[in-house]
Amino acid sequence: MDIGWIASLIMVGIMIIIILSITIPMDKKHVIRRNGKIDYEKTKIFLRWNVFDTLTLCLAIYTILCVQALNLLISFGQNVENPFVQFFTNQSQAWTIVTIAYLVMRLTNTLKSVKAQYGHV
């Protein structure tokens, strides 16, 4: 592996530790569980903007910046042997997948919460 891939993997590891250190306490504090499953009727956090949404928005902006930096580097004739191209390629792929996965999970949880709280009306 070249230096760009290694730097990117280190960056991903650091960012995952930061994300988990924010989300795990938030989940334990605000998500109400019954028998190991989320009680959507009592859990109100899915119906409002929360810290994880802000974190995901920042992550999406970071991903856009990485993709644009990669686009500029490729436009200027750089190839995969450039460490910056390696770094931005890895960052763009990793965080695009994470952001889309979170979007799907967030929509699913929000719809389940809306159904549980307002579906009986």
Protein backbone atom coordinates (compact mmCIF):
# COMPACT_ATOMS: atom_id res chain seq x y z
CA MET A 1 0.00 0.00 0.00
CA ASP A 2 1.18 3.48 -0.76
CA ILE A 3 1.26 6.41 1.64
CA GLY A 4 -2.07 7.88 0.45
CA TRP A 5 -4.00 4.68 1.21
CA ILE A 6 -2.37 4.34 4.63
CA ALA A 7 -3.08 7.97 5.53
CA SER A 8 -6.68 7.53 4.41
CA LEU A 9 -7.14 4.37 6.49
CA ILE A 10 -5.75 6.17 9.54
CA MET A 11 -8.12 9.08 8.90
CA VAL A 12 -11.10 6.72 8.54
CA GLY A 13 -10.16 5.03 11.82
CA ILE A 14 -9.93 8.34 13.67
CA MET A 15 -13.23 9.57 12.23
CA ILE A 16 -15.00 6.30 13.11
CA ILE A 17 -13.78 6.57 16.71
CA ILE A 18 -15.10 10.16 16.88
CA ILE A 19 -18.44 9.20 15.34
CA LEU A 20 -18.91 6.23 17.67
CA SER A 21 -17.91 8.28 20.72
CA ILE A 22 -20.72 10.69 19.86
CA THR A 23 -23.41 8.24 18.75
CA ILE A 24 -23.16 5.45 21.32
CA PRO A 25 -23.90 7.70 24.34
CA MET A 26 -26.67 9.44 22.37
CA ASP A 27 -28.24 6.09 21.51
CA LYS A 28 -28.08 4.85 25.11
CA LYS A 29 -29.56 8.09 26.45
CA HIS A 30 -32.39 8.77 23.99
CA VAL A 31 -33.44 5.49 22.36
CA ILE A 32 -35.91 3.52 24.46
CA ARG A 33 -35.72 -0.25 24.04
CA ARG A 34 -38.11 -2.97 25.09
CA ASN A 35 -36.90 -6.60 24.89
CA GLY A 36 -33.88 -5.47 22.87
CA LYS A 37 -35.99 -3.77 20.19
CA ILE A 38 -36.54 -0.05 19.73
CA ASP A 39 -39.87 1.19 21.11
CA TYR A 40 -40.76 3.65 18.36
CA GLU A 41 -43.86 4.83 20.20
CA LYS A 42 -41.86 6.16 23.15
CA THR A 43 -38.66 7.16 21.34
CA LYS A 44 -39.00 10.76 20.18
CA ILE A 45 -35.46 11.34 18.86
CA PHE A 46 -36.26 10.04 15.37
CA LEU A 47 -38.82 12.81 14.86
CA ARG A 48 -36.45 15.71 15.41
CA TRP A 49 -33.06 16.90 14.24
CA ASN A 50 -30.37 15.42 16.47
CA VAL A 51 -26.60 15.43 16.96
CA PHE A 52 -26.10 12.49 14.63
CA ASP A 53 -27.95 14.30 11.85
CA THR A 54 -25.58 17.25 12.25
CA LEU A 55 -22.63 14.88 12.27
CA THR A 56 -23.89 13.20 9.10
CA LEU A 57 -24.39 16.56 7.40
CA CYS A 58 -20.78 17.48 8.21
CA LEU A 59 -19.67 14.10 6.90
CA ALA A 60 -21.62 14.62 3.67
CA ILE A 61 -20.00 18.03 3.18
CA TYR A 62 -16.58 16.46 3.83
CA THR A 63 -17.36 13.78 1.24
CA ILE A 64 -18.34 16.39 -1.34
CA LEU A 65 -15.09 18.25 -0.72
CA CYS A 66 -13.10 15.02 -1.12
CA VAL A 67 -14.83 14.22 -4.40
CA GLN A 68 -14.21 17.75 -5.69
CA ALA A 69 -10.53 17.61 -4.66
CA LEU A 70 -10.22 14.26 -6.43
CA ASN A 71 -11.89 15.73 -9.51
CA LEU A 72 -9.43 18.64 -9.55
CA LEU A 73 -6.42 16.37 -9.15
CA ILE A 74 -7.56 14.14 -12.00
CA SER A 75 -8.35 17.20 -14.14
CA PHE A 76 -4.78 18.40 -13.65
CA GLY A 77 -3.45 15.09 -14.96
CA GLN A 78 -2.64 13.28 -11.72
CA ASN A 79 -3.05 9.52 -11.56
CA VAL A 80 -3.47 6.87 -8.88
CA GLU A 81 0.23 6.94 -8.05
CA ASN A 82 -0.21 10.39 -6.51
CA PRO A 83 -0.71 10.06 -2.72
CA PHE A 84 -3.40 12.73 -2.70
CA VAL A 85 -5.38 10.91 -5.39
CA GLN A 86 -5.12 7.73 -3.32
CA PHE A 87 -6.23 9.56 -0.18
CA PHE A 88 -9.21 11.31 -1.74
CA THR A 89 -10.29 8.20 -3.65
CA ASN A 90 -10.44 6.14 -0.48
CA GLN A 91 -12.11 8.90 1.54
CA SER A 92 -14.72 9.54 -1.14
CA GLN A 93 -15.66 5.89 -1.44
CA ALA A 94 -15.78 5.17 2.29
CA TRP A 95 -17.82 8.18 3.37
CA THR A 96 -20.22 8.04 0.43
CA ILE A 97 -21.17 4.51 1.47
CA VAL A 98 -21.53 5.53 5.14
CA THR A 99 -23.63 8.59 4.30
CA ILE A 100 -26.01 6.66 2.04
CA ALA A 101 -26.34 3.87 4.60
CA TYR A 102 -27.20 6.41 7.29
CA LEU A 103 -29.76 8.07 5.02
CA VAL A 104 -31.54 4.76 4.49
CA MET A 105 -31.45 3.94 8.22
CA ARG A 106 -32.67 7.42 9.16
CA LEU A 107 -35.59 7.28 6.73
CA THR A 108 -36.55 3.82 7.95
CA ASN A 109 -36.45 4.80 11.62
CA THR A 110 -38.34 8.03 10.98
CA LEU A 111 -41.09 6.26 9.05
CA LYS A 112 -41.39 3.57 11.73
CA SER A 113 -41.59 6.25 14.42
CA VAL A 114 -44.24 8.23 12.53
CA LYS A 115 -46.28 5.07 12.03
CA ALA A 116 -45.98 4.09 15.72
CA GLN A 117 -46.88 7.53 17.03
CA TYR A 118 -49.41 8.80 14.50
CA GLY A 119 -50.55 5.63 12.73
CA HIS A 120 -53.44 5.01 15.10
CA VAL A 121 -55.14 8.34 14.28
